[in-house]
Amino acid sequence: MSPRPFFSLIVFICSFIPILDLFLSSLLICILGLQTGGFALVLKLTLFIIGIHLVESYLLNPKIMGAVMKIHFLAVLIILLVAGKLFGF
């Protein structure tokens, strides 16, 4: 039996827990990548996951929050970066 349905279920469940989701689902993706394509595939998958996370964090989230709050998305991005440095969030 393939572990893919089980891993898919774990990734789905973990998607409801924001920070833990990133680590657990990425770990499972890398385990499957290691089984199917070796270390080179794991490296590619890791870079792909990092790229997706960066686009989500620094482009999509500020755009969505800016649209909801009716301010420019760059202002939201700056506020998030400054608050992160000052308050550690």
Protein backbone atom coordinates (compact mmCIF):
# COMPACT_ATOMS: atom_id res chain seq x y z
CA MET A 1 0.00 0.00 0.00
CA SER A 2 1.26 3.44 -0.90
CA PRO A 3 1.83 5.98 1.91
CA ARG A 4 0.53 8.81 -0.29
CA PRO A 5 -3.11 8.78 0.89
CA PHE A 6 -1.95 8.78 4.52
CA PHE A 7 0.50 11.64 3.87
CA SER A 8 -2.20 13.57 2.00
CA LEU A 9 -4.53 13.23 4.97
CA ILE A 10 -1.82 14.47 7.37
CA VAL A 11 -1.06 17.46 5.14
CA PHE A 12 -4.77 18.28 4.92
CA ILE A 13 -5.24 18.10 8.70
CA CYS A 14 -2.07 20.09 9.39
CA SER A 15 -3.16 22.85 7.02
CA PHE A 16 -5.46 24.07 9.78
CA ILE A 17 -2.48 24.76 12.08
CA PRO A 18 -0.54 27.63 10.43
CA ILE A 19 3.08 27.29 11.61
CA LEU A 20 3.08 23.58 12.27
CA ASP A 21 1.54 23.06 8.85
CA LEU A 22 4.55 24.51 7.08
CA PHE A 23 7.03 22.25 8.83
CA LEU A 24 5.03 19.01 8.91
CA SER A 25 3.69 19.18 5.38
CA SER A 26 7.12 20.17 4.05
CA LEU A 27 8.71 17.29 5.90
CA LEU A 28 6.22 14.83 4.44
CA ILE A 29 6.69 16.25 0.94
CA CYS A 30 10.46 15.92 1.29
CA ILE A 31 10.16 12.33 2.55
CA LEU A 32 8.10 11.41 -0.51
CA GLY A 33 10.58 13.28 -2.72
CA LEU A 34 13.47 11.37 -1.18
CA GLN A 35 11.72 8.07 -1.84
CA THR A 36 10.88 8.86 -5.45
CA GLY A 37 13.66 11.11 -6.74
CA GLY A 38 16.51 11.19 -4.26
CA PHE A 39 18.29 14.11 -2.66
CA ALA A 40 18.23 16.27 -5.81
CA LEU A 41 14.42 16.20 -5.82
CA VAL A 42 14.33 17.02 -2.10
CA LEU A 43 16.47 20.10 -2.76
CA LYS A 44 14.20 21.21 -5.61
CA LEU A 45 11.09 20.65 -3.49
CA THR A 46 12.59 22.59 -0.58
CA LEU A 47 13.39 25.56 -2.83
CA PHE A 48 9.90 25.39 -4.33
CA ILE A 49 8.27 25.36 -0.87
CA ILE A 50 10.41 28.30 0.25
CA GLY A 51 9.47 30.22 -2.90
CA ILE A 52 5.76 29.60 -2.37
CA HIS A 53 6.01 30.65 1.27
CA LEU A 54 7.85 33.86 0.37
CA VAL A 55 5.28 34.79 -2.28
CA GLU A 56 2.46 34.11 0.16
CA SER A 57 4.05 36.00 3.04
CA TYR A 58 5.41 39.04 1.24
CA LEU A 59 2.96 39.48 -1.64
CA LEU A 60 -0.41 37.78 -1.19
CA ASN A 61 -1.01 38.38 2.53
CA PRO A 62 -0.22 42.14 2.38
CA LYS A 63 -2.36 42.51 -0.76
CA ILE A 64 -5.33 40.78 0.87
CA MET A 65 -4.92 42.63 4.18
CA GLY A 66 -4.50 45.93 2.33
CA ALA A 67 -7.67 45.35 0.33
CA VAL A 68 -9.64 44.51 3.48
CA MET A 69 -8.25 47.48 5.44
CA LYS A 70 -8.39 49.80 2.39
CA ILE A 71 -4.72 50.81 2.52
CA HIS A 72 -1.87 50.22 0.08
CA PHE A 73 -0.32 46.76 0.30
CA LEU A 74 3.19 48.24 0.67
CA ALA A 75 2.02 50.03 3.82
CA VAL A 76 0.78 46.70 5.19
CA LEU A 77 4.09 45.04 4.30
CA ILE A 78 6.08 47.79 6.03
CA ILE A 79 3.84 47.63 9.11
CA LEU A 80 4.26 43.84 9.30
CA LEU A 81 8.04 44.06 8.94
CA VAL A 82 8.40 46.84 11.53
CA ALA A 83 6.06 45.10 13.99
CA GLY A 84 7.98 41.88 13.52
CA LYS A 85 11.26 43.58 14.39
CA LEU A 86 9.87 45.60 17.30
CA PHE A 87 7.53 43.08 18.90
CA GLY A 88 8.79 39.75 17.59
CA PHE A 89 5.51 38.71 15.94
